[in-house]
Amino acid sequence: MNGIGEEQKDFFKVLAGELKTRDNPSDMKCGIIARVEQLSPKIIVSFSEAKIFLTEDEELLISEWFRFRCNIDKTGVLSSTVPTNTDNAEAVTETHSNGGAPCSMPDAISYLASAILGVRDELLALKCDLQVGDFVYIESLEQKDKYILIDKVLNEVQE
C-alpha cells in the first residue's frame, strides 16, 4: 500500500468537519443533589459529602418558581381564613320576602365557595414545605462558582 489517496484525504477532511460540528459543549455540567443545612436568614445547602457549602445570594441563586412555591400560603390566609369564609358564605340562607319562596342565592354562593376552595386546594398542592435535611436539585451556572436551586427532591411519591 502506498498510503491514502487524495480522494480519501478529502473524505476524512469532510468527515472531521462534520464530527467537529457535532461536538458537545466542553462545559457539560450535570445537576447536583444538595442537602438543606439552613433556612433562615438565608438558605444554605451542602453537597460533596458536606464539603461544599453554598449560601443564598452569594454562590446560590433561587429560581423564581421555587421561591413562588415556598411562599404559597406564607400568610396562612389560604389554609385558615379561606375555609372559614367559604363556610360562612355557604351557611347563608335566605327567602324572598314576597311569598316566602326559596332564594337561589345560597346555591350560587355554594358554587362560588366550591370554586374558591378548588383553587385554594390546587395552590396548596403546589406549596413546597422546605425543611432542614431536605434534598434539593441545583444546577451549576455558566459563571464560575454560581449555582441555582431548581426544586426540592421528593423522598416519596406524592399523590
Protein backbone atom coordinates (compact mmCIF):
# COMPACT_ATOMS: atom_id res chain seq x y z
CA MET A 1 0.00 0.00 0.00
CA ASN A 2 1.27 3.38 -0.81
CA GLY A 3 -0.82 5.49 1.63
CA ILE A 4 -4.04 7.44 1.46
CA GLY A 5 -5.07 8.92 -1.87
CA GLU A 6 -6.39 12.43 -2.43
CA GLU A 7 -9.98 11.17 -2.56
CA GLN A 8 -9.67 9.54 0.89
CA LYS A 9 -7.98 12.66 2.30
CA ASP A 10 -10.92 14.78 1.12
CA PHE A 11 -13.35 12.27 2.65
CA PHE A 12 -11.54 12.37 6.01
CA LYS A 13 -11.44 16.16 5.90
CA VAL A 14 -15.20 16.31 5.30
CA LEU A 15 -15.83 13.66 7.98
CA ALA A 16 -13.66 15.52 10.51
CA GLY A 17 -15.53 18.74 9.76
CA GLU A 18 -18.89 17.04 10.25
CA LEU A 19 -17.81 15.48 13.54
CA LYS A 20 -16.46 18.82 14.75
CA THR A 21 -19.84 20.50 14.17
CA ARG A 22 -21.43 17.82 16.35
CA ASP A 23 -19.08 18.28 19.31
CA ASN A 24 -20.80 18.70 22.62
CA PRO A 25 -20.02 21.87 24.53
CA SER A 26 -16.85 21.49 26.55
CA ASP A 27 -18.63 22.64 29.69
CA MET A 28 -21.18 19.86 30.25
CA LYS A 29 -22.34 20.21 33.84
CA CYS A 30 -24.72 17.82 35.47
CA GLY A 31 -27.31 18.53 38.11
CA ILE A 32 -26.39 18.17 41.75
CA ILE A 33 -28.41 16.88 44.68
CA ALA A 34 -27.67 19.03 47.73
CA ARG A 35 -28.84 18.90 51.35
CA VAL A 36 -30.53 21.87 53.04
CA GLU A 37 -28.43 22.88 56.04
CA GLN A 38 -30.12 26.16 57.00
CA LEU A 39 -33.32 28.01 56.06
CA SER A 40 -33.05 31.36 57.78
CA PRO A 41 -31.94 34.08 57.43
CA LYS A 42 -30.58 32.67 54.14
CA ILE A 43 -30.81 29.21 52.64
CA ILE A 44 -27.56 27.23 52.87
CA VAL A 45 -27.11 23.90 51.09
CA SER A 46 -24.24 21.43 51.02
CA PHE A 47 -23.02 18.74 48.66
CA SER A 48 -19.98 16.52 48.10
CA GLU A 49 -20.44 14.89 51.50
CA ALA A 50 -20.92 18.29 53.18
CA LYS A 51 -17.54 19.52 51.93
CA ILE A 52 -19.02 22.30 49.78
CA PHE A 53 -21.50 24.83 51.18
CA LEU A 54 -23.48 27.33 49.11
CA THR A 55 -25.21 30.36 50.61
CA GLU A 56 -28.24 32.10 49.11
CA ASP A 57 -27.41 35.39 47.35
CA GLU A 58 -23.71 34.54 47.37
CA GLU A 59 -22.96 31.35 45.42
CA LEU A 60 -26.58 30.15 45.39
CA LEU A 61 -29.43 31.72 43.46
CA ILE A 62 -33.05 30.63 43.96
CA SER A 63 -35.26 30.05 40.93
CA GLU A 64 -38.36 32.24 40.74
CA TRP A 65 -40.64 29.19 40.52
CA PHE A 66 -39.11 27.62 43.64
CA ARG A 67 -39.42 30.92 45.55
CA PHE A 68 -43.06 31.16 44.45
CA ARG A 69 -43.78 27.61 45.68
CA CYS A 70 -42.13 28.26 49.05
CA ASN A 71 -44.14 31.47 49.54
CA ILE A 72 -47.56 29.95 48.86
CA ASP A 73 -49.69 30.49 51.97
CA LYS A 74 -46.88 32.30 53.79
CA THR A 75 -49.53 34.45 55.50
CA GLY A 76 -51.78 31.47 56.30
CA VAL A 77 -54.79 33.04 54.58
CA LEU A 78 -55.28 30.13 52.17
CA SER A 79 -55.18 27.44 54.83
CA SER A 80 -57.09 29.21 57.59
CA THR A 81 -59.18 32.22 56.51
CA VAL A 82 -60.45 30.96 53.15
CA PRO A 83 -62.18 27.83 54.52
CA THR A 84 -63.80 29.81 57.33
CA ASN A 85 -65.05 32.48 54.93
CA THR A 86 -66.42 29.95 52.47
CA ASP A 87 -68.14 28.02 55.30
CA ASN A 88 -69.75 31.27 56.45
CA ALA A 89 -70.84 32.08 52.89
CA GLU A 90 -72.36 28.63 52.41
CA ALA A 91 -74.31 28.98 55.67
CA VAL A 92 -76.29 31.92 54.26
CA THR A 93 -79.95 31.09 53.85
CA GLU A 94 -82.45 33.50 52.51
CA THR A 95 -86.02 33.54 51.42
CA HIS A 96 -87.75 36.07 49.28
CA SER A 97 -89.92 38.39 51.26
CA ASN A 98 -92.54 38.21 48.56
CA GLY A 99 -94.35 34.93 49.13
CA GLY A 100 -91.58 33.14 51.06
CA ALA A 101 -90.21 31.34 48.01
CA PRO A 102 -86.68 30.00 48.48
CA CYS A 103 -83.94 32.14 47.03
CA SER A 104 -81.40 30.65 44.65
CA MET A 105 -78.62 32.84 46.08
CA PRO A 106 -77.43 30.17 48.58
CA ASP A 107 -76.88 27.77 45.67
CA ALA A 108 -74.88 30.40 43.79
CA ILE A 109 -72.82 31.12 46.91
CA SER A 110 -72.20 27.39 47.39
CA TYR A 111 -70.95 27.03 43.80
CA LEU A 112 -68.64 30.02 44.22
CA ALA A 113 -67.35 28.71 47.56
CA SER A 114 -66.62 25.32 45.97
CA ALA A 115 -64.73 27.00 43.13
CA ILE A 116 -62.69 29.12 45.56
CA LEU A 117 -61.84 26.05 47.65
CA GLY A 118 -60.83 24.18 44.49
CA VAL A 119 -58.41 26.94 43.51
CA ARG A 120 -57.09 27.06 47.07
CA ASP A 121 -56.52 23.29 47.11
CA GLU A 122 -54.65 23.44 43.79
CA LEU A 123 -52.40 26.23 45.08
CA LEU A 124 -51.72 24.44 48.35
CA ALA A 125 -50.78 21.31 46.40
CA LEU A 126 -48.01 23.36 44.74
CA LYS A 127 -46.64 24.58 48.06
CA CYS A 128 -43.13 23.49 48.89
CA ASP A 129 -42.54 22.91 52.58
CA LEU A 130 -38.75 23.09 52.74
CA GLN A 131 -37.08 21.79 55.90
CA VAL A 132 -33.51 21.41 57.11
CA GLY A 133 -32.33 17.97 55.98
CA ASP A 134 -34.40 18.01 52.77
CA PHE A 135 -32.66 17.42 49.47
CA VAL A 136 -32.80 19.93 46.63
CA TYR A 137 -31.79 19.87 42.98
CA ILE A 138 -29.26 22.52 41.99
CA GLU A 139 -27.52 23.29 38.70
CA SER A 140 -24.21 24.95 38.01
CA LEU A 141 -24.41 28.21 36.05
CA GLU A 142 -22.05 29.45 33.37
CA GLN A 143 -20.48 31.86 35.86
CA LYS A 144 -17.76 30.21 37.86
CA ASP A 145 -18.88 29.12 41.34
CA LYS A 146 -22.54 30.11 40.85
CA TYR A 147 -25.42 27.67 41.27
CA ILE A 148 -29.20 27.88 41.08
CA LEU A 149 -31.62 25.98 43.29
CA ILE A 150 -34.21 24.50 40.96
CA ASP A 151 -36.56 22.49 43.20
CA LYS A 152 -36.97 20.18 46.16
CA VAL A 153 -36.31 16.48 45.65
CA LEU A 154 -39.14 14.31 46.92
CA ASN A 155 -38.27 11.38 49.13
CA GLU A 156 -41.54 9.63 48.39
CA VAL A 157 -44.21 9.53 45.73
CA GLN A 158 -46.73 12.33 46.20
CA GLU A 159 -50.36 11.61 45.33
